[in-house]
Amino acid sequence: MNYRHLGRSGLRVSELSLGSWVTFFNQVDVDLAMECMSAAYDSGVNFFDNAEVYANGKSEEVMGLALKKLGWRRSSYIISTKFFWGLNDSVNEKNTLNRKHLLEAMDGSLKRLDMEYVDLVFCHRADPTTPIEETVWAMHNIIERGKALYWGTSEWPAADIVAAIEIAERHHLHKPVMEQPQYNMLTRERFEKEYARLFKDYGYGSTIWSPLASGLLTGKYNDGIPADSRGTLKGYEWLLPRLTNPDGLAKVKALQVMAADLGCNVAQLAIAWCLKNSNVSTVITGASRVSQVRENMMALDVSAKLTVDVMEQIEAVLQNKPGGE
């Protein structure tokens, strides 16, 4: 396993990490979570991603219980959580980054995880109804109180991120240091174009999610929606148009041929492709089985096979490289 700095921070994260979205609680119980996390940890993974909204808080509980049973040294791993949507359907408890929600949500996550602090905390979406300055101050206070070590954003417009950084610098506050965006072979525009200035001028880090495009880049949706896939889970119906998109499926089939020539599967190729981007700090992988964790880890070896020529062949298939400014 190789480790990359999280942007210009001093924190180093494993190139591949393990996330709990969709899987923990919904598909993975505490015992299986322990097995998957152990397989990742034994491979050198040191970052495990979570969020308050995942499984309506149950994902954090599963991860917290798994970590207690595993008994790893706390300083040997990195845990994240994220806030925005909230767990309760009332004003000031949902869809907000106001000070009240952020401070209360932080306490709630720590209780569910049964931890004194998390390493990373993200503002899970931008909130146009709350002044960015209020959000920056609240996140600064969370860090000052020792409840999180670093904070960042997730799927924020680049202009809002720059505003948050500049507010923090002006008031000498802890500024956001990382973004958690979707990034994969089929979703590139925001990461490669809109965020380009963040990486170049501010040294922003990134913990990318959905490197397999919600499973499309595994090839398992080539012939329809499998009965045991996330495409059949209640609450994830919004994924179906993406998982059945004819253009995306055609690209996956072409990429499968390339993957076979490289001695890997298309999922490993897709993860390795993400790693070739130097602005990626870590690729968050997901798994509902230990075998998937081990297969994903093999993408590290595939990355070395992605020469300039191979990357050009991939671009010829994708035909979606973002244009210049």
C-alpha atoms as a PDB file:
ATOM      1  CA  MET A   1       0.000   0.000   0.000  1.00  0.00           C
ATOM      2  CA  ASN A   2       1.178   3.487  -0.825  1.00  0.00           C
ATOM      3  CA  TYR A   3       0.157   6.571   1.157  1.00  0.00           C
ATOM      4  CA  ARG A   4      -0.547  10.060  -0.119  1.00  0.00           C
ATOM      5  CA  HIS A   5      -0.785  13.333   1.757  1.00  0.00           C
ATOM      6  CA  LEU A   6      -4.311  14.660   2.118  1.00  0.00           C
ATOM      7  CA  GLY A   7      -3.669  17.730   0.022  1.00  0.00           C
ATOM      8  CA  ARG A   8      -1.113  19.986   1.690  1.00  0.00           C
ATOM      9  CA  SER A   9      -1.964  18.697   5.158  1.00  0.00           C
ATOM     10  CA  GLY A  10       0.522  16.509   6.995  1.00  0.00           C
ATOM     11  CA  LEU A  11      -1.963  13.636   7.192  1.00  0.00           C
ATOM     12  CA  ARG A  12      -1.218  10.642   4.989  1.00  0.00           C
ATOM     13  CA  VAL A  13      -4.026   8.397   3.792  1.00  0.00           C
ATOM     14  CA  SER A  14      -3.817   5.013   2.093  1.00  0.00           C
ATOM     15  CA  GLU A  15      -4.314   5.213  -1.677  1.00  0.00           C
ATOM     16  CA  LEU A  16      -7.280   2.889  -1.287  1.00  0.00           C
ATOM     17  CA  SER A  17      -9.762   3.227   1.562  1.00  0.00           C
ATOM     18  CA  LEU A  18     -13.001   1.554   2.626  1.00  0.00           C
ATOM     19  CA  GLY A  19     -16.371   3.277   2.843  1.00  0.00           C
ATOM     20  CA  SER A  20     -19.628   2.209   4.471  1.00  0.00           C
ATOM     21  CA  TRP A  21     -22.182   3.876   2.182  1.00  0.00           C
ATOM     22  CA  VAL A  22     -24.983   1.503   1.080  1.00  0.00           C
ATOM     23  CA  THR A  23     -23.318  -1.557   2.621  1.00  0.00           C
ATOM     24  CA  PHE A  24     -22.979  -1.165   6.402  1.00  0.00           C
ATOM     25  CA  PHE A  25     -26.213  -2.157   8.174  1.00  0.00           C
ATOM     26  CA  ASN A  26     -28.110  -2.492   4.858  1.00  0.00           C
ATOM     27  CA  GLN A  27     -25.981  -5.384   3.561  1.00  0.00           C
ATOM     28  CA  VAL A  28     -23.235  -5.789   6.158  1.00  0.00           C
ATOM     29  CA  ASP A  29     -23.735  -6.575   9.849  1.00  0.00           C
ATOM     30  CA  VAL A  30     -21.156  -6.023  12.596  1.00  0.00           C
ATOM     31  CA  ASP A  31     -19.415  -9.371  12.135  1.00  0.00           C
ATOM     32  CA  LEU A  32     -19.094  -8.963   8.367  1.00  0.00           C
ATOM     33  CA  ALA A  33     -18.009  -5.353   8.856  1.00  0.00           C
ATOM     34  CA  MET A  34     -15.195  -6.622  11.076  1.00  0.00           C
ATOM     35  CA  GLU A  35     -14.123  -9.107   8.412  1.00  0.00           C
ATOM     36  CA  CYS A  36     -14.173  -6.538   5.601  1.00  0.00           C
ATOM     37  CA  MET A  37     -12.397  -3.892   7.662  1.00  0.00           C
ATOM     38  CA  SER A  38      -9.788  -6.414   8.789  1.00  0.00           C
ATOM     39  CA  ALA A  39      -9.099  -7.483   5.209  1.00  0.00           C
ATOM     40  CA  ALA A  40      -8.641  -3.844   4.230  1.00  0.00           C
ATOM     41  CA  TYR A  41      -6.549  -2.986   7.300  1.00  0.00           C
ATOM     42  CA  ASP A  42      -4.299  -5.999   6.709  1.00  0.00           C
ATOM     43  CA  SER A  43      -3.744  -4.717   3.170  1.00  0.00           C
ATOM     44  CA  GLY A  44      -2.563  -1.367   4.528  1.00  0.00           C
ATOM     45  CA  VAL A  45      -5.818   0.615   4.423  1.00  0.00           C
ATOM     46  CA  ASN A  46      -5.856   3.251   7.163  1.00  0.00           C
ATOM     47  CA  PHE A  47      -8.938   5.298   6.235  1.00  0.00           C
ATOM     48  CA  PHE A  48     -12.556   4.247   6.807  1.00  0.00           C
ATOM     49  CA  ASP A  49     -15.301   6.576   5.597  1.00  0.00           C
ATOM     50  CA  ASN A  50     -18.766   7.103   7.088  1.00  0.00           C
ATOM     51  CA  ALA A  51     -21.563   9.686   7.419  1.00  0.00           C
ATOM     52  CA  GLU A  52     -24.410  10.376   9.808  1.00  0.00           C
ATOM     53  CA  VAL A  53     -26.999   9.862   7.062  1.00  0.00           C
ATOM     54  CA  TYR A  54     -25.743   6.432   5.966  1.00  0.00           C
ATOM     55  CA  ALA A  55     -28.427   3.920   6.964  1.00  0.00           C
ATOM     56  CA  ASN A  56     -29.957   6.713   9.040  1.00  0.00           C
ATOM     57  CA  GLY A  57     -27.134   6.596  11.596  1.00  0.00           C
ATOM     58  CA  LYS A  58     -26.936   2.806  11.777  1.00  0.00           C
ATOM     59  CA  SER A  59     -23.820   2.683   9.592  1.00  0.00           C
ATOM     60  CA  GLU A  60     -21.891   4.636  12.216  1.00  0.00           C
ATOM     61  CA  GLU A  61     -23.145   2.301  14.926  1.00  0.00           C
ATOM     62  CA  VAL A  62     -22.026  -0.771  12.972  1.00  0.00           C
ATOM     63  CA  MET A  63     -18.579   0.705  12.335  1.00  0.00           C
ATOM     64  CA  GLY A  64     -18.203   1.810  15.940  1.00  0.00           C
ATOM     65  CA  LEU A  65     -19.081  -1.648  17.270  1.00  0.00           C
ATOM     66  CA  ALA A  66     -16.753  -3.307  14.751  1.00  0.00           C
ATOM     67  CA  LEU A  67     -13.848  -1.084  15.765  1.00  0.00           C
ATOM     68  CA  LYS A  68     -14.460  -1.787  19.457  1.00  0.00           C
ATOM     69  CA  LYS A  69     -14.318  -5.516  18.826  1.00  0.00           C
ATOM     70  CA  LEU A  70     -11.276  -5.250  16.567  1.00  0.00           C
ATOM     71  CA  GLY A  71      -9.378  -3.332  19.250  1.00  0.00           C
ATOM     72  CA  TRP A  72      -6.990  -1.577  16.890  1.00  0.00           C
ATOM     73  CA  ARG A  73      -4.757   1.185  18.223  1.00  0.00           C
ATOM     74  CA  ARG A  74      -6.768   4.382  17.671  1.00  0.00           C
ATOM     75  CA  SER A  75      -3.854   6.286  16.194  1.00  0.00           C
ATOM     76  CA  SER A  76      -3.369   3.629  13.506  1.00  0.00           C
ATOM     77  CA  TYR A  77      -6.508   4.447  11.524  1.00  0.00           C
ATOM     78  CA  ILE A  78      -8.522   7.393  10.225  1.00  0.00           C
ATOM     79  CA  ILE A  79     -12.287   7.731  10.578  1.00  0.00           C
ATOM     80  CA  SER A  80     -14.559  10.260   8.894  1.00  0.00           C
ATOM     81  CA  THR A  81     -18.150  11.364   9.119  1.00  0.00           C
ATOM     82  CA  LYS A  82     -20.267  13.917   7.265  1.00  0.00           C
ATOM     83  CA  PHE A  83     -23.145  16.288   8.099  1.00  0.00           C
ATOM     84  CA  PHE A  84     -25.938  18.012   6.196  1.00  0.00           C
ATOM     85  CA  TRP A  85     -29.110  15.965   5.719  1.00  0.00           C
ATOM     86  CA  GLY A  86     -29.599  15.097   9.373  1.00  0.00           C
ATOM     87  CA  LEU A  87     -31.555  12.230  10.921  1.00  0.00           C
ATOM     88  CA  ASN A  88     -34.753  14.006  11.979  1.00  0.00           C
ATOM     89  CA  ASP A  89     -37.431  15.699   9.916  1.00  0.00           C
ATOM     90  CA  SER A  90     -37.700  19.082  11.583  1.00  0.00           C
ATOM     91  CA  VAL A  91     -36.357  22.585  11.076  1.00  0.00           C
ATOM     92  CA  ASN A  92     -32.695  23.014  12.102  1.00  0.00           C
ATOM     93  CA  GLU A  93     -32.214  19.235  12.039  1.00  0.00           C
ATOM     94  CA  LYS A  94     -32.141  18.577   8.297  1.00  0.00           C
ATOM     95  CA  ASN A  95     -30.603  19.996   5.122  1.00  0.00           C
ATOM     96  CA  THR A  96     -28.540  22.611   6.910  1.00  0.00           C
ATOM     97  CA  LEU A  97     -25.010  23.572   7.854  1.00  0.00           C
ATOM     98  CA  ASN A  98     -26.014  26.067  10.511  1.00  0.00           C
ATOM     99  CA  ARG A  99     -24.077  26.191  13.750  1.00  0.00           C
ATOM    100  CA  LYS A 100     -26.764  24.493  15.836  1.00  0.00           C
ATOM    101  CA  HIS A 101     -27.021  21.462  13.556  1.00  0.00           C
ATOM    102  CA  LEU A 102     -23.273  21.024  13.048  1.00  0.00           C
ATOM    103  CA  LEU A 103     -22.403  21.086  16.741  1.00  0.00           C
ATOM    104  CA  GLU A 104     -25.270  18.775  17.693  1.00  0.00           C
ATOM    105  CA  ALA A 105     -24.636  16.442  14.751  1.00  0.00           C
ATOM    106  CA  MET A 106     -20.976  16.113  15.746  1.00  0.00           C
ATOM    107  CA  ASP A 107     -21.956  14.992  19.230  1.00  0.00           C
ATOM    108  CA  GLY A 108     -24.494  12.554  17.792  1.00  0.00           C
ATOM    109  CA  SER A 109     -21.966  10.926  15.465  1.00  0.00           C
ATOM    110  CA  LEU A 110     -19.377  10.545  18.215  1.00  0.00           C
ATOM    111  CA  LYS A 111     -21.982   8.870  20.401  1.00  0.00           C
ATOM    112  CA  ARG A 112     -22.967   6.418  17.637  1.00  0.00           C
ATOM    113  CA  LEU A 113     -19.341   5.667  16.777  1.00  0.00           C
ATOM    114  CA  ASP A 114     -18.484   5.514  20.501  1.00  0.00           C
ATOM    115  CA  MET A 115     -15.394   7.651  19.907  1.00  0.00           C
ATOM    116  CA  GLU A 116     -13.856  10.725  21.449  1.00  0.00           C
ATOM    117  CA  TYR A 117     -13.051  12.226  18.042  1.00  0.00           C
ATOM    118  CA  VAL A 118     -13.080  11.576  14.318  1.00  0.00           C
ATOM    119  CA  ASP A 119     -10.124  12.398  12.122  1.00  0.00           C
ATOM    120  CA  LEU A 120     -12.039  13.934   9.228  1.00  0.00           C
ATOM    121  CA  VAL A 121     -15.415  15.667   9.179  1.00  0.00           C
ATOM    122  CA  PHE A 122     -17.120  16.855   6.004  1.00  0.00           C
ATOM    123  CA  CYS A 123     -19.916  19.285   5.244  1.00  0.00           C
ATOM    124  CA  HIS A 124     -21.809  16.750   3.137  1.00  0.00           C
ATOM    125  CA  ARG A 125     -23.364  19.273   0.730  1.00  0.00           C
ATOM    126  CA  ALA A 126     -23.345  23.034   0.387  1.00  0.00           C
ATOM    127  CA  ASP A 127     -26.066  25.001   2.182  1.00  0.00           C
ATOM    128  CA  PRO A 128     -27.072  28.171   0.309  1.00  0.00           C
ATOM    129  CA  THR A 129     -29.359  29.207   3.191  1.00  0.00           C
ATOM    130  CA  THR A 130     -26.583  29.470   5.800  1.00  0.00           C
ATOM    131  CA  PRO A 131     -23.785  32.055   5.521  1.00  0.00           C
ATOM    132  CA  ILE A 132     -20.519  30.298   4.694  1.00  0.00           C
ATOM    133  CA  GLU A 133     -18.852  32.274   7.484  1.00  0.00           C
ATOM    134  CA  GLU A 134     -21.201  30.681  10.063  1.00  0.00           C
ATOM    135  CA  THR A 135     -20.350  27.214   8.784  1.00  0.00           C
ATOM    136  CA  VAL A 136     -16.604  27.913   8.784  1.00  0.00           C
ATOM    137  CA  TRP A 137     -16.719  29.171  12.380  1.00  0.00           C
ATOM    138  CA  ALA A 138     -18.707  26.117  13.517  1.00  0.00           C
ATOM    139  CA  MET A 139     -16.269  23.719  11.862  1.00  0.00           C
ATOM    140  CA  HIS A 140     -13.350  25.615  13.396  1.00  0.00           C
ATOM    141  CA  ASN A 141     -14.943  25.275  16.826  1.00  0.00           C
ATOM    142  CA  ILE A 142     -15.463  21.529  16.339  1.00  0.00           C
ATOM    143  CA  ILE A 143     -11.757  21.136  15.648  1.00  0.00           C
ATOM    144  CA  GLU A 144     -10.726  23.448  18.485  1.00  0.00           C
ATOM    145  CA  ARG A 145     -12.790  21.343  20.884  1.00  0.00           C
ATOM    146  CA  GLY A 146     -10.912  18.224  19.782  1.00  0.00           C
ATOM    147  CA  LYS A 147     -13.924  16.479  18.262  1.00  0.00           C
ATOM    148  CA  ALA A 148     -12.369  16.325  14.780  1.00  0.00           C
ATOM    149  CA  LEU A 149      -8.862  16.894  13.456  1.00  0.00           C
ATOM    150  CA  TYR A 150      -9.476  18.144   9.906  1.00  0.00           C
ATOM    151  CA  TRP A 151     -12.552  19.381   8.075  1.00  0.00           C
ATOM    152  CA  GLY A 152     -13.582  19.530   4.471  1.00  0.00           C
ATOM    153  CA  THR A 153     -16.417  19.671   1.979  1.00  0.00           C
ATOM    154  CA  SER A 154     -18.335  17.210  -0.170  1.00  0.00           C
ATOM    155  CA  GLU A 155     -19.806  18.102  -3.563  1.00  0.00           C
ATOM    156  CA  TRP A 156     -19.515  21.826  -2.921  1.00  0.00           C
ATOM    157  CA  PRO A 157     -19.264  24.287  -5.814  1.00  0.00           C
ATOM    158  CA  ALA A 158     -15.629  25.338  -6.219  1.00  0.00           C
ATOM    159  CA  ALA A 159     -16.531  28.998  -5.651  1.00  0.00           C
ATOM    160  CA  ASP A 160     -18.025  28.171  -2.239  1.00  0.00           C
ATOM    161  CA  ILE A 161     -14.926  26.195  -1.269  1.00  0.00           C
ATOM    162  CA  VAL A 162     -12.683  29.107  -2.201  1.00  0.00           C
ATOM    163  CA  ALA A 163     -14.931  31.426  -0.178  1.00  0.00           C
ATOM    164  CA  ALA A 164     -14.667  29.128   2.857  1.00  0.00           C
ATOM    165  CA  ILE A 165     -10.876  28.954   2.564  1.00  0.00           C
ATOM    166  CA  GLU A 166     -10.555  32.724   2.261  1.00  0.00           C
ATOM    167  CA  ILE A 167     -12.878  33.350   5.231  1.00  0.00           C
ATOM    168  CA  ALA A 168     -10.827  30.938   7.347  1.00  0.00           C
ATOM    169  CA  GLU A 169      -7.550  32.527   6.301  1.00  0.00           C
ATOM    170  CA  ARG A 170      -8.863  36.029   6.975  1.00  0.00           C
ATOM    171  CA  HIS A 171      -9.925  35.129  10.519  1.00  0.00           C
ATOM    172  CA  HIS A 172      -7.027  32.687  11.183  1.00  0.00           C
ATOM    173  CA  LEU A 173      -9.411  29.743  11.549  1.00  0.00           C
ATOM    174  CA  HIS A 174      -8.987  26.074  10.691  1.00  0.00           C
ATOM    175  CA  LYS A 175      -9.737  25.984   6.977  1.00  0.00           C
ATOM    176  CA  PRO A 176     -11.153  23.126   4.918  1.00  0.00           C
ATOM    177  CA  VAL A 177      -8.397  20.943   3.475  1.00  0.00           C
ATOM    178  CA  MET A 178     -10.208  18.276   1.454  1.00  0.00           C
ATOM    179  CA  GLU A 179     -13.192  17.611  -0.796  1.00  0.00           C
ATOM    180  CA  GLN A 180     -15.122  14.363  -1.162  1.00  0.00           C
ATOM    181  CA  PRO A 181     -16.432  14.360  -4.737  1.00  0.00           C
ATOM    182  CA  GLN A 182     -17.735  11.673  -7.027  1.00  0.00           C
ATOM    183  CA  TYR A 183     -15.039  10.752  -9.525  1.00  0.00           C
ATOM    184  CA  ASN A 184     -14.794   7.872 -11.938  1.00  0.00           C
ATOM    185  CA  MET A 185     -14.323   7.067 -15.609  1.00  0.00           C
ATOM    186  CA  LEU A 186     -17.872   8.215 -16.384  1.00  0.00           C
ATOM    187  CA  THR A 187     -18.086  11.257 -14.071  1.00  0.00           C
ATOM    188  CA  ARG A 188     -15.145  13.624 -14.584  1.00  0.00           C
ATOM    189  CA  GLU A 189     -16.219  17.192 -15.326  1.00  0.00           C
ATOM    190  CA  ARG A 190     -16.335  18.649 -11.807  1.00  0.00           C
ATOM    191  CA  PHE A 191     -13.196  16.919 -10.521  1.00  0.00           C
ATOM    192  CA  GLU A 192     -10.969  17.529 -13.533  1.00  0.00           C
ATOM    193  CA  LYS A 193     -12.245  20.957 -14.573  1.00  0.00           C
ATOM    194  CA  GLU A 194     -14.178  22.835 -11.889  1.00  0.00           C
ATOM    195  CA  TYR A 195     -11.858  21.753  -9.071  1.00  0.00           C
ATOM    196  CA  ALA A 196      -8.619  22.217 -11.030  1.00  0.00           C
ATOM    197  CA  ARG A 197      -7.903  25.563  -9.350  1.00  0.00           C
ATOM    198  CA  LEU A 198      -8.510  24.094  -5.888  1.00  0.00           C
ATOM    199  CA  PHE A 199      -5.819  21.485  -6.452  1.00  0.00           C
ATOM    200  CA  LYS A 200      -3.341  23.852  -8.103  1.00  0.00           C
ATOM    201  CA  ASP A 201      -3.726  27.032  -6.048  1.00  0.00           C
ATOM    202  CA  TYR A 202      -4.862  25.726  -2.665  1.00  0.00           C
ATOM    203  CA  GLY A 203      -3.423  22.209  -2.519  1.00  0.00           C
ATOM    204  CA  TYR A 204      -6.863  20.815  -1.704  1.00  0.00           C
ATOM    205  CA  GLY A 205      -7.001  17.101  -0.922  1.00  0.00           C
ATOM    206  CA  SER A 206      -9.631  14.660  -2.191  1.00  0.00           C
ATOM    207  CA  THR A 207     -11.258  11.487  -0.895  1.00  0.00           C
ATOM    208  CA  ILE A 208     -13.151  10.401  -3.986  1.00  0.00           C
ATOM    209  CA  TRP A 209     -16.311   8.296  -3.855  1.00  0.00           C
ATOM    210  CA  SER A 210     -18.031   5.983  -6.345  1.00  0.00           C
ATOM    211  CA  PRO A 211     -14.929   5.005  -8.370  1.00  0.00           C
ATOM    212  CA  LEU A 212     -17.062   2.197  -9.850  1.00  0.00           C
ATOM    213  CA  ALA A 213     -19.993   4.482 -10.731  1.00  0.00           C
ATOM    214  CA  SER A 214     -22.258   2.784  -8.163  1.00  0.00           C
ATOM    215  CA  GLY A 215     -21.288  -0.623  -9.545  1.00  0.00           C
ATOM    216  CA  LEU A 216     -21.783   0.082 -13.247  1.00  0.00           C
ATOM    217  CA  LEU A 217     -18.024  -0.202 -13.810  1.00  0.00           C
ATOM    218  CA  THR A 218     -17.967  -3.729 -12.405  1.00  0.00           C
ATOM    219  CA  GLY A 219     -19.819  -5.076 -15.426  1.00  0.00           C
ATOM    220  CA  LYS A 220     -22.464  -6.762 -13.289  1.00  0.00           C
ATOM    221  CA  TYR A 221     -25.222  -4.587 -14.767  1.00  0.00           C
ATOM    222  CA  ASN A 222     -24.422  -5.452 -18.376  1.00  0.00           C
ATOM    223  CA  ASP A 223     -27.404  -7.809 -18.600  1.00  0.00           C
ATOM    224  CA  GLY A 224     -29.838  -6.092 -16.250  1.00  0.00           C
ATOM    225  CA  ILE A 225     -30.199  -5.468 -12.506  1.00  0.00           C
ATOM    226  CA  PRO A 226     -29.040  -8.465 -10.401  1.00  0.00           C
ATOM    227  CA  ALA A 227     -31.373  -9.394  -7.539  1.00  0.00           C
ATOM    228  CA  ASP A 228     -28.684  -8.953  -4.868  1.00  0.00           C
ATOM    229  CA  SER A 229     -27.318  -5.601  -6.069  1.00  0.00           C
ATOM    230  CA  ARG A 230     -27.735  -2.082  -4.694  1.00  0.00           C
ATOM    231  CA  GLY A 231     -29.960  -1.380  -7.691  1.00  0.00           C
ATOM    232  CA  THR A 232     -32.700  -3.360  -5.926  1.00  0.00           C
ATOM    233  CA  LEU A 233     -32.322  -1.756  -2.486  1.00  0.00           C
ATOM    234  CA  LYS A 234     -35.178   0.340  -1.166  1.00  0.00           C
ATOM    235  CA  GLY A 235     -34.293   4.019  -1.270  1.00  0.00           C
ATOM    236  CA  TYR A 236     -31.767   3.636  -4.077  1.00  0.00           C
ATOM    237  CA  GLU A 237     -34.210   3.665  -6.987  1.00  0.00           C
ATOM    238  CA  TRP A 238     -32.579   6.894  -8.173  1.00  0.00           C
ATOM    239  CA  LEU A 239     -29.572   4.822  -9.269  1.00  0.00           C
ATOM    240  CA  LEU A 240     -31.505   2.826 -11.870  1.00  0.00           C
ATOM    241  CA  PRO A 241     -31.260   5.320 -14.784  1.00  0.00           C
ATOM    242  CA  ARG A 242     -27.487   5.416 -14.303  1.00  0.00           C
ATOM    243  CA  LEU A 243     -27.138   1.643 -14.027  1.00  0.00           C
ATOM    244  CA  THR A 244     -29.140   1.040 -17.196  1.00  0.00           C
ATOM    245  CA  ASN A 245     -27.671   3.843 -19.336  1.00  0.00           C
ATOM    246  CA  PRO A 246     -26.910   2.344 -22.797  1.00  0.00           C
ATOM    247  CA  ASP A 247     -23.881   4.571 -23.456  1.00  0.00           C
ATOM    248  CA  GLY A 248     -22.328   3.725 -20.105  1.00  0.00           C
ATOM    249  CA  LEU A 249     -22.946   0.012 -20.571  1.00  0.00           C
ATOM    250  CA  ALA A 250     -21.353   0.086 -24.026  1.00  0.00           C
ATOM    251  CA  LYS A 251     -18.227   1.698 -22.577  1.00  0.00           C
ATOM    252  CA  VAL A 252     -18.070  -0.859 -19.779  1.00  0.00           C
ATOM    253  CA  LYS A 253     -18.142  -3.714 -22.289  1.00  0.00           C
ATOM    254  CA  ALA A 254     -15.291  -2.152 -24.273  1.00  0.00           C
ATOM    255  CA  LEU A 255     -13.303  -1.595 -21.077  1.00  0.00           C
ATOM    256  CA  GLN A 256     -13.798  -5.242 -20.107  1.00  0.00           C
ATOM    257  CA  VAL A 257     -11.843  -6.273 -23.199  1.00  0.00           C
ATOM    258  CA  MET A 258      -9.001  -3.930 -22.235  1.00  0.00           C
ATOM    259  CA  ALA A 259      -9.038  -5.196 -18.658  1.00  0.00           C
ATOM    260  CA  ALA A 260      -8.745  -8.797 -19.829  1.00  0.00           C
ATOM    261  CA  ASP A 261      -5.680  -7.877 -21.879  1.00  0.00           C
ATOM    262  CA  LEU A 262      -4.124  -6.394 -18.721  1.00  0.00           C
ATOM    263  CA  GLY A 263      -4.941  -9.477 -16.658  1.00  0.00           C
ATOM    264  CA  CYS A 264      -7.517  -7.829 -14.403  1.00  0.00           C
ATOM    265  CA  ASN A 265     -11.244  -7.196 -14.240  1.00  0.00           C
ATOM    266  CA  VAL A 266     -12.946  -3.958 -15.228  1.00  0.00           C
ATOM    267  CA  ALA A 267     -13.526  -2.896 -11.599  1.00  0.00           C
ATOM    268  CA  GLN A 268      -9.795  -3.111 -10.856  1.00  0.00           C
ATOM    269  CA  LEU A 269      -9.079  -1.185 -14.051  1.00  0.00           C
ATOM    270  CA  ALA A 270     -11.538   1.554 -13.060  1.00  0.00           C
ATOM    271  CA  ILE A 271     -10.045   1.950  -9.579  1.00  0.00           C
ATOM    272  CA  ALA A 272      -6.496   1.931 -10.948  1.00  0.00           C
ATOM    273  CA  TRP A 273      -7.483   4.611 -13.473  1.00  0.00           C
ATOM    274  CA  CYS A 274      -8.596   6.888 -10.622  1.00  0.00           C
ATOM    275  CA  LEU A 275      -5.251   6.374  -8.885  1.00  0.00           C
ATOM    276  CA  LYS A 276      -3.401   7.688 -11.938  1.00  0.00           C
ATOM    277  CA  ASN A 277      -4.753  11.165 -11.175  1.00  0.00           C
ATOM    278  CA  SER A 278      -2.275  12.841  -8.826  1.00  0.00           C
ATOM    279  CA  ASN A 279      -5.027  15.061  -7.400  1.00  0.00           C
ATOM    280  CA  VAL A 280      -6.693  11.990  -5.892  1.00  0.00           C
ATOM    281  CA  SER A 281      -5.580  11.564  -2.276  1.00  0.00           C
ATOM    282  CA  THR A 282      -7.477   8.312  -1.723  1.00  0.00           C
ATOM    283  CA  VAL A 283     -10.044   6.211  -3.572  1.00  0.00           C
ATOM    284  CA  ILE A 284     -12.937   5.136  -1.345  1.00  0.00           C
ATOM    285  CA  THR A 285     -13.939   1.597  -2.228  1.00  0.00           C
ATOM    286  CA  GLY A 286     -17.007  -0.279  -1.035  1.00  0.00           C
ATOM    287  CA  ALA A 287     -17.651  -3.948  -0.418  1.00  0.00           C
ATOM    288  CA  SER A 288     -20.359  -6.258   0.873  1.00  0.00           C
ATOM    289  CA  ARG A 289     -18.052  -9.289   0.901  1.00  0.00           C
ATOM    290  CA  VAL A 290     -14.476  -9.899   2.006  1.00  0.00           C
ATOM    291  CA  SER A 291     -13.663 -11.212  -1.474  1.00  0.00           C
ATOM    292  CA  GLN A 292     -14.615  -7.816  -2.917  1.00  0.00           C
ATOM    293  CA  VAL A 293     -12.224  -6.059  -0.552  1.00  0.00           C
ATOM    294  CA  ARG A 294      -9.372  -8.292  -1.672  1.00  0.00           C
ATOM    295  CA  GLU A 295     -10.243  -7.893  -5.341  1.00  0.00           C
ATOM    296  CA  ASN A 296     -10.326  -4.106  -4.990  1.00  0.00           C
ATOM    297  CA  MET A 297      -6.923  -4.061  -3.309  1.00  0.00           C
ATOM    298  CA  MET A 298      -5.438  -5.720  -6.397  1.00  0.00           C
ATOM    299  CA  ALA A 299      -6.071  -2.475  -8.289  1.00  0.00           C
ATOM    300  CA  LEU A 300      -2.833  -1.218  -6.751  1.00  0.00           C
ATOM    301  CA  ASP A 301      -0.891  -3.622  -8.955  1.00  0.00           C
ATOM    302  CA  VAL A 302      -2.956  -2.741 -12.020  1.00  0.00           C
ATOM    303  CA  SER A 303      -2.123   0.952 -11.675  1.00  0.00           C
ATOM    304  CA  ALA A 304       1.503   0.276 -12.631  1.00  0.00           C
ATOM    305  CA  LYS A 305       0.316  -1.276 -15.896  1.00  0.00           C
ATOM    306  CA  LEU A 306      -1.514   1.867 -16.989  1.00  0.00           C
ATOM    307  CA  THR A 307       1.169   3.318 -19.235  1.00  0.00           C
ATOM    308  CA  VAL A 308       0.704   6.438 -21.327  1.00  0.00           C
ATOM    309  CA  ASP A 309      -0.345   4.281 -24.274  1.00  0.00           C
ATOM    310  CA  VAL A 310      -2.904   2.364 -22.211  1.00  0.00           C
ATOM    311  CA  MET A 311      -4.329   5.577 -20.786  1.00  0.00           C
ATOM    312  CA  GLU A 312      -4.727   6.911 -24.325  1.00  0.00           C
ATOM    313  CA  GLN A 313      -6.571   3.733 -25.327  1.00  0.00           C
ATOM    314  CA  ILE A 314      -8.889   4.207 -22.363  1.00  0.00           C
ATOM    315  CA  GLU A 315      -9.565   7.807 -23.402  1.00  0.00           C
ATOM    316  CA  ALA A 316     -10.465   6.567 -26.882  1.00  0.00           C
ATOM    317  CA  VAL A 317     -13.160   4.413 -25.299  1.00  0.00           C
ATOM    318  CA  LEU A 318     -14.429   6.987 -22.810  1.00  0.00           C
ATOM    319  CA  GLN A 319     -14.432  10.016 -25.125  1.00  0.00           C
ATOM    320  CA  ASN A 320     -15.456  12.264 -22.230  1.00  0.00           C
ATOM    321  CA  LYS A 321     -12.276  14.104 -21.237  1.00  0.00           C
ATOM    322  CA  PRO A 322     -13.287  17.577 -19.999  1.00  0.00           C
ATOM    323  CA  GLY A 323     -12.245  20.403 -22.291  1.00  0.00           C
ATOM    324  CA  GLY A 324     -10.068  23.347 -21.341  1.00  0.00           C
ATOM    325  CA  GLU A 325     -11.249  26.636 -19.940  1.00  0.00           C
END
